[in-house]
């Protein structure tokens, strides 16, 4: 088992009396860039921006317009379900790269992405644009009917998406997209094209406490490998919402084969992962879904 420790809670600096929560409670993906951490939550319209080196409050940056209903059931139906955020290299007019946040594709309301350009210091410029994921997702559903995109990472010249399949019918898979084709489409302000798909490969992550492990996020390493997060959720639905019995982290080799899966030593629903090679070890930062709107999601750390 991999020992994990807590660094901080994902609290936000919001004005007193603001309509949004003063913390992120349903963190769903994590990205690290320069001195910043970026977090998306599956039930929010904001990007959380946090300092890497301190425990100061983060700040919310609106990337989707409109308030979400406060009623829990209605909110669940209406939420954009942003489940992945990935750092893209410089392209087009985005000299300092950009973040791409992706909806899961698990319902008609979850087929949007958001492109968030970055400044030289790594922070968002304040601009953002919507990305139509429907053509790509409709094409992927021909092979993965219960589509549920949960992670993304740039691995060499590939934008790799991770498909989560919770129940017996749902399938874990890696989806490799041609990065150049994706960047060309984004530079022109267009939709992500089905032609960008290079291959779709099913992945078996094994079980934890008798429950199937399923992808929940991805993070590329500088040597061409990729780390991923996975959780075991005892649910009849491929989209989750069951009891989580534990989580794990794993490694894909340079060819995209799963070569390691190891549980972590805390019983949480691991949702986001940012990995980095540091000398002779891999440093991991992780976020979880607290499964309670009143409880902040924690930021965790571990080393391999």
Protein backbone atom coordinates (compact mmCIF):
# COMPACT_ATOMS: atom_id res chain seq x y z
CA UNK A 1 0.00 0.00 0.00
CA UNK A 2 1.12 3.52 -0.73
CA UNK A 3 1.21 5.83 2.34
CA UNK A 4 -0.71 9.07 1.82
CA UNK A 5 -0.74 12.24 3.93
CA UNK A 6 -2.92 15.34 3.87
CA UNK A 7 -1.51 18.74 2.88
CA UNK A 8 -4.54 21.03 3.11
CA UNK A 9 -8.22 21.54 2.37
CA UNK A 10 -9.35 23.07 -0.93
CA UNK A 11 -10.76 26.27 0.57
CA UNK A 12 -11.52 29.31 -1.57
CA UNK A 13 -11.23 33.04 -1.00
CA UNK A 14 -14.80 34.16 -1.70
CA UNK A 15 -16.62 37.24 -0.38
CA UNK A 16 -18.78 36.79 2.70
CA UNK A 17 -22.35 36.14 1.64
CA UNK A 18 -21.36 34.94 -1.83
CA UNK A 19 -23.69 32.42 -3.45
CA UNK A 20 -20.97 29.86 -4.06
CA UNK A 21 -19.41 27.62 -1.42
CA UNK A 22 -16.16 28.78 0.26
CA UNK A 23 -14.54 25.48 -0.72
CA UNK A 24 -14.48 22.78 -3.37
CA UNK A 25 -16.27 19.66 -2.18
CA UNK A 26 -16.46 17.50 -5.32
CA UNK A 27 -12.97 17.80 -6.80
CA UNK A 28 -12.78 15.72 -9.98
CA UNK A 29 -9.40 16.45 -11.62
CA UNK A 30 -6.08 18.08 -10.80
CA UNK A 31 -3.38 19.72 -12.94
CA UNK A 32 -0.06 21.23 -11.83
CA UNK A 33 1.73 23.98 -13.76
CA UNK A 34 4.56 26.24 -12.60
CA UNK A 35 3.63 27.42 -9.09
CA UNK A 36 -0.08 26.70 -9.39
CA UNK A 37 -2.58 23.90 -8.93
CA UNK A 38 -5.78 23.80 -10.98
CA UNK A 39 -8.84 21.87 -9.85
CA UNK A 40 -12.16 21.26 -11.57
CA UNK A 41 -15.19 19.96 -9.71
CA UNK A 42 -17.99 17.97 -11.31
CA UNK A 43 -20.71 20.17 -9.77
CA UNK A 44 -19.23 23.65 -10.28
CA UNK A 45 -18.93 26.19 -13.11
CA UNK A 46 -15.54 27.44 -11.88
CA UNK A 47 -11.90 26.47 -12.09
CA UNK A 48 -10.18 26.44 -8.69
CA UNK A 49 -6.71 28.04 -8.78
CA UNK A 50 -4.47 27.29 -5.79
CA UNK A 51 -0.87 28.21 -4.86
CA UNK A 52 1.44 25.20 -5.02
CA UNK A 53 3.79 26.07 -2.18
CA UNK A 54 1.47 27.57 0.46
CA UNK A 55 -1.81 26.72 2.17
CA UNK A 56 -3.43 30.05 1.28
CA UNK A 57 -7.01 29.98 0.02
CA UNK A 58 -7.46 29.39 -3.68
CA UNK A 59 -9.67 31.48 -5.93
CA UNK A 60 -12.51 30.48 -8.23
CA UNK A 61 -12.28 31.47 -11.90
CA UNK A 62 -15.59 31.28 -13.76
CA UNK A 63 -15.28 29.17 -16.91
CA UNK A 64 -18.96 28.37 -17.52
CA UNK A 65 -21.83 30.82 -17.26
CA UNK A 66 -24.96 30.57 -15.20
CA UNK A 67 -25.77 29.42 -11.66
CA UNK A 68 -26.56 25.82 -10.87
CA UNK A 69 -29.67 24.86 -8.87
CA UNK A 70 -29.13 24.50 -5.12
CA UNK A 71 -31.42 21.46 -4.88
CA UNK A 72 -29.13 18.43 -4.83
CA UNK A 73 -31.10 16.23 -7.24
CA UNK A 74 -31.73 19.03 -9.75
CA UNK A 75 -28.12 20.17 -9.50
CA UNK A 76 -26.94 16.66 -10.31
CA UNK A 77 -29.05 16.62 -13.49
CA UNK A 78 -27.95 20.08 -14.62
CA UNK A 79 -24.25 20.06 -13.69
CA UNK A 80 -21.68 20.21 -16.53
CA UNK A 81 -19.77 17.28 -14.95
CA UNK A 82 -16.28 18.56 -15.73
CA UNK A 83 -14.24 15.45 -14.95
CA UNK A 84 -10.83 16.15 -16.50
CA UNK A 85 -8.46 19.09 -16.86
CA UNK A 86 -5.26 18.85 -18.89
CA UNK A 87 -2.39 21.20 -19.71
CA UNK A 88 -1.88 21.74 -23.44
CA UNK A 89 1.44 22.94 -24.94
CA UNK A 90 1.72 26.29 -26.77
CA UNK A 91 -0.26 26.35 -30.02
CA UNK A 92 -1.90 28.86 -32.34
CA UNK A 93 -2.13 32.20 -30.61
CA UNK A 94 -1.73 30.63 -27.17
CA UNK A 95 2.01 31.20 -26.70
CA UNK A 96 1.98 29.97 -23.10
CA UNK A 97 -0.30 27.00 -23.54
CA UNK A 98 -3.79 26.47 -22.21
CA UNK A 99 -5.88 24.27 -19.98
CA UNK A 100 -8.61 22.12 -21.47
CA UNK A 101 -11.45 21.07 -19.16
CA UNK A 102 -13.63 18.22 -20.42
CA UNK A 103 -17.16 17.17 -19.61
CA UNK A 104 -17.67 13.45 -19.02
CA UNK A 105 -20.05 12.82 -21.93
CA UNK A 106 -22.26 10.74 -19.62
CA UNK A 107 -25.42 12.71 -20.51
CA UNK A 108 -26.67 15.22 -23.09
CA UNK A 109 -25.69 18.13 -20.80
CA UNK A 110 -22.11 16.91 -20.38
CA UNK A 111 -20.72 17.28 -23.90
CA UNK A 112 -18.97 20.62 -23.38
CA UNK A 113 -15.34 21.45 -22.88
CA UNK A 114 -13.67 24.72 -21.96
CA UNK A 115 -10.39 26.08 -23.35
CA UNK A 116 -8.62 28.31 -20.80
CA UNK A 117 -5.56 30.19 -22.19
CA UNK A 118 -2.65 30.80 -19.82
CA UNK A 119 -0.30 33.73 -19.24
CA UNK A 120 3.50 33.59 -19.01
CA UNK A 121 3.27 33.10 -15.24
CA UNK A 122 1.01 30.09 -15.74
CA UNK A 123 -2.20 31.74 -14.52
CA UNK A 124 -5.39 31.98 -16.62
CA UNK A 125 -5.65 35.04 -18.87
CA UNK A 126 -9.27 35.67 -17.88
CA UNK A 127 -10.49 34.51 -21.28
CA UNK A 128 -12.05 31.17 -22.08
CA UNK A 129 -13.95 29.52 -24.91
CA UNK A 130 -16.41 26.65 -25.17
CA UNK A 131 -15.42 23.51 -27.03
CA UNK A 132 -18.03 21.26 -28.63
CA UNK A 133 -17.23 17.66 -27.68
CA UNK A 134 -20.41 16.12 -29.09
CA UNK A 135 -19.05 14.96 -32.48
CA UNK A 136 -16.08 13.24 -30.82
CA UNK A 137 -18.16 11.73 -28.03
CA UNK A 138 -20.89 10.46 -30.35
CA UNK A 139 -18.22 8.69 -32.37
CA UNK A 140 -16.66 7.16 -29.23
CA UNK A 141 -20.05 5.88 -28.08
CA UNK A 142 -20.05 3.48 -31.02
CA UNK A 143 -17.33 1.56 -29.14
CA UNK A 144 -18.08 2.72 -25.60
CA UNK A 145 -21.88 3.08 -25.26
CA UNK A 146 -21.69 4.10 -21.59
CA UNK A 147 -19.18 6.87 -22.21
CA UNK A 148 -17.74 8.47 -19.07
CA UNK A 149 -14.47 10.40 -19.62
CA UNK A 150 -12.68 10.87 -16.29
CA UNK A 151 -9.07 11.78 -17.07
CA UNK A 152 -6.81 13.32 -19.70
CA UNK A 153 -3.07 13.79 -20.19
CA UNK A 154 -0.72 14.84 -22.98
CA UNK A 155 1.68 11.94 -23.54
CA UNK A 156 4.16 12.77 -26.28
CA UNK A 157 2.15 13.54 -29.42
CA UNK A 158 -1.01 11.99 -28.01
CA UNK A 159 -3.87 13.46 -25.99
CA UNK A 160 -4.88 10.43 -23.93
CA UNK A 161 -8.39 10.24 -22.46
CA UNK A 162 -9.39 7.70 -19.81
CA UNK A 163 -12.82 6.08 -19.89
CA UNK A 164 -14.31 4.92 -16.59
CA UNK A 165 -16.62 1.90 -16.55
CA UNK A 166 -18.07 1.16 -13.13
CA UNK A 167 -20.43 -1.76 -13.61
CA UNK A 168 -20.06 -5.06 -15.45
CA UNK A 169 -21.23 -3.48 -18.72
CA UNK A 170 -19.05 -0.39 -18.38
CA UNK A 171 -15.50 -0.69 -19.70
CA UNK A 172 -12.27 0.99 -18.64
CA UNK A 173 -10.35 2.17 -21.68
CA UNK A 174 -7.62 4.50 -22.86
CA UNK A 175 -8.52 6.64 -25.84
CA UNK A 176 -5.57 8.06 -27.77
CA UNK A 177 -6.19 11.19 -29.82
CA UNK A 178 -3.78 12.77 -32.29
CA UNK A 179 -2.57 15.82 -30.37
CA UNK A 180 -1.77 17.82 -33.49
CA UNK A 181 -5.28 17.27 -34.83
CA UNK A 182 -6.79 18.35 -31.50
CA UNK A 183 -4.67 21.51 -31.33
CA UNK A 184 -5.50 22.42 -34.93
CA UNK A 185 -9.21 22.08 -34.19
CA UNK A 186 -8.92 24.15 -31.00
CA UNK A 187 -6.89 26.87 -32.76
CA UNK A 188 -9.65 27.29 -35.31
CA UNK A 189 -12.31 27.45 -32.60
CA UNK A 190 -13.94 24.30 -33.91
CA UNK A 191 -15.28 21.12 -32.43
CA UNK A 192 -13.03 18.19 -31.59
CA UNK A 193 -13.14 15.92 -34.64
CA UNK A 194 -13.75 12.14 -34.55
CA UNK A 195 -10.87 11.86 -37.02
CA UNK A 196 -8.46 12.64 -34.15
CA UNK A 197 -9.06 9.19 -32.62
CA UNK A 198 -6.05 6.92 -33.11
CA UNK A 199 -7.06 3.94 -31.00
CA UNK A 200 -9.37 2.80 -28.21
CA UNK A 201 -7.95 0.08 -25.97
CA UNK A 202 -9.76 -1.60 -23.07
CA UNK A 203 -7.84 -1.79 -19.78
CA UNK A 204 -8.21 -4.20 -16.87
CA UNK A 205 -7.19 -2.60 -13.55
CA UNK A 206 -8.21 -5.51 -11.35
CA UNK A 207 -10.27 -5.28 -8.17
CA UNK A 208 -10.02 -3.80 -4.70
CA UNK A 209 -11.96 -5.52 -1.89
CA UNK A 210 -13.91 -7.41 -4.55
CA UNK A 211 -14.96 -4.27 -6.44
CA UNK A 212 -13.67 -3.34 -9.91
CA UNK A 213 -11.12 -0.52 -10.00
CA UNK A 214 -11.96 2.19 -12.54
CA UNK A 215 -10.04 5.15 -13.94
CA UNK A 216 -10.55 8.55 -12.31
CA UNK A 217 -7.68 10.78 -13.59
CA UNK A 218 -4.39 10.86 -15.49
CA UNK A 219 -1.03 12.64 -15.31
CA UNK A 220 1.90 12.33 -17.74
CA UNK A 221 5.50 11.80 -16.61
CA UNK A 222 8.47 13.42 -18.36
CA UNK A 223 9.91 10.04 -19.39
CA UNK A 224 6.90 9.07 -21.54
CA UNK A 225 5.06 7.01 -18.94
CA UNK A 226 1.72 8.06 -17.44
CA UNK A 227 0.35 7.83 -13.91
CA UNK A 228 -3.35 7.30 -13.32
CA UNK A 229 -5.76 7.34 -10.40
CA UNK A 230 -8.49 4.75 -9.96
CA UNK A 231 -11.24 4.11 -7.44
CA UNK A 232 -13.43 1.12 -6.62
CA UNK A 233 -17.06 2.18 -6.38
CA UNK A 234 -19.69 -0.45 -5.59
CA UNK A 235 -22.39 0.84 -7.93
CA UNK A 236 -24.88 -0.58 -10.39
CA UNK A 237 -24.24 2.35 -12.69
CA UNK A 238 -21.19 2.94 -14.88
CA UNK A 239 -21.42 6.58 -13.80
CA UNK A 240 -20.71 5.87 -10.11
CA UNK A 241 -22.59 7.25 -7.09
CA UNK A 242 -22.17 4.06 -5.08
CA UNK A 243 -20.14 3.26 -1.98
CA UNK A 244 -16.40 3.71 -2.52
CA UNK A 245 -14.37 0.90 -0.96
CA UNK A 246 -10.92 2.33 -1.76
CA UNK A 247 -8.62 3.81 -4.39
CA UNK A 248 -5.32 3.13 -6.11
CA UNK A 249 -2.72 4.70 -8.35
CA UNK A 250 -1.07 3.05 -11.33
CA UNK A 251 1.41 3.44 -14.17
CA UNK A 252 1.09 3.00 -17.94
CA UNK A 253 4.33 2.40 -19.82
CA UNK A 254 5.38 4.28 -22.95
CA UNK A 255 3.22 1.99 -25.08
CA UNK A 256 0.09 2.58 -23.00
CA UNK A 257 0.12 -0.79 -21.19
CA UNK A 258 -0.85 -0.89 -17.51
CA UNK A 259 2.26 -2.08 -15.65
CA UNK A 260 1.43 -1.21 -12.02
CA UNK A 261 -1.65 -0.76 -9.85
CA UNK A 262 -1.16 -0.19 -6.11
CA UNK A 263 -3.80 0.77 -3.48
CA UNK A 264 -3.34 3.83 -1.29
CA UNK A 265 -3.65 3.48 2.48
CA UNK A 266 -6.65 5.78 3.03
CA UNK A 267 -10.27 4.94 2.28
CA UNK A 268 -11.20 7.82 -0.04
CA UNK A 269 -12.65 8.34 -3.49
CA UNK A 270 -9.55 9.43 -5.39
CA UNK A 271 -10.60 11.75 -8.21
CA UNK A 272 -7.58 13.80 -9.29
CA UNK A 273 -3.85 13.23 -9.70
CA UNK A 274 -0.79 15.32 -10.61
CA UNK A 275 2.50 13.39 -10.85
CA UNK A 276 6.08 14.53 -11.33
CA UNK A 277 9.47 12.82 -11.54
CA UNK A 278 11.78 14.19 -8.82
CA UNK A 279 15.17 12.49 -8.67
CA UNK A 280 14.71 8.81 -7.84
CA UNK A 281 11.03 9.04 -6.96
CA UNK A 282 7.65 10.11 -8.30
CA UNK A 283 5.90 12.86 -6.37
CA UNK A 284 2.10 12.64 -6.31
CA UNK A 285 -0.49 15.26 -5.46
CA UNK A 286 -4.08 14.03 -5.28
CA UNK A 287 -7.59 15.35 -4.66
CA UNK A 288 -10.73 13.51 -3.62
CA UNK A 289 -14.46 13.92 -3.79
CA UNK A 290 -15.64 14.54 -0.22
CA UNK A 291 -19.17 13.29 -1.13
CA UNK A 292 -20.60 16.01 1.14
CA UNK A 293 -21.18 19.62 -0.05
CA UNK A 294 -20.40 20.93 3.45
CA UNK A 295 -16.96 19.25 3.59
CA UNK A 296 -13.92 20.60 1.66
CA UNK A 297 -12.10 18.19 -0.62
CA UNK A 298 -8.57 17.58 0.70
CA UNK A 299 -5.28 17.85 -1.17
CA UNK A 300 -3.18 14.74 -0.47
CA UNK A 301 0.44 13.82 -1.19
CA UNK A 302 2.46 10.63 -1.63
CA UNK A 303 5.80 9.44 -3.04
CA UNK A 304 6.69 6.35 -5.04
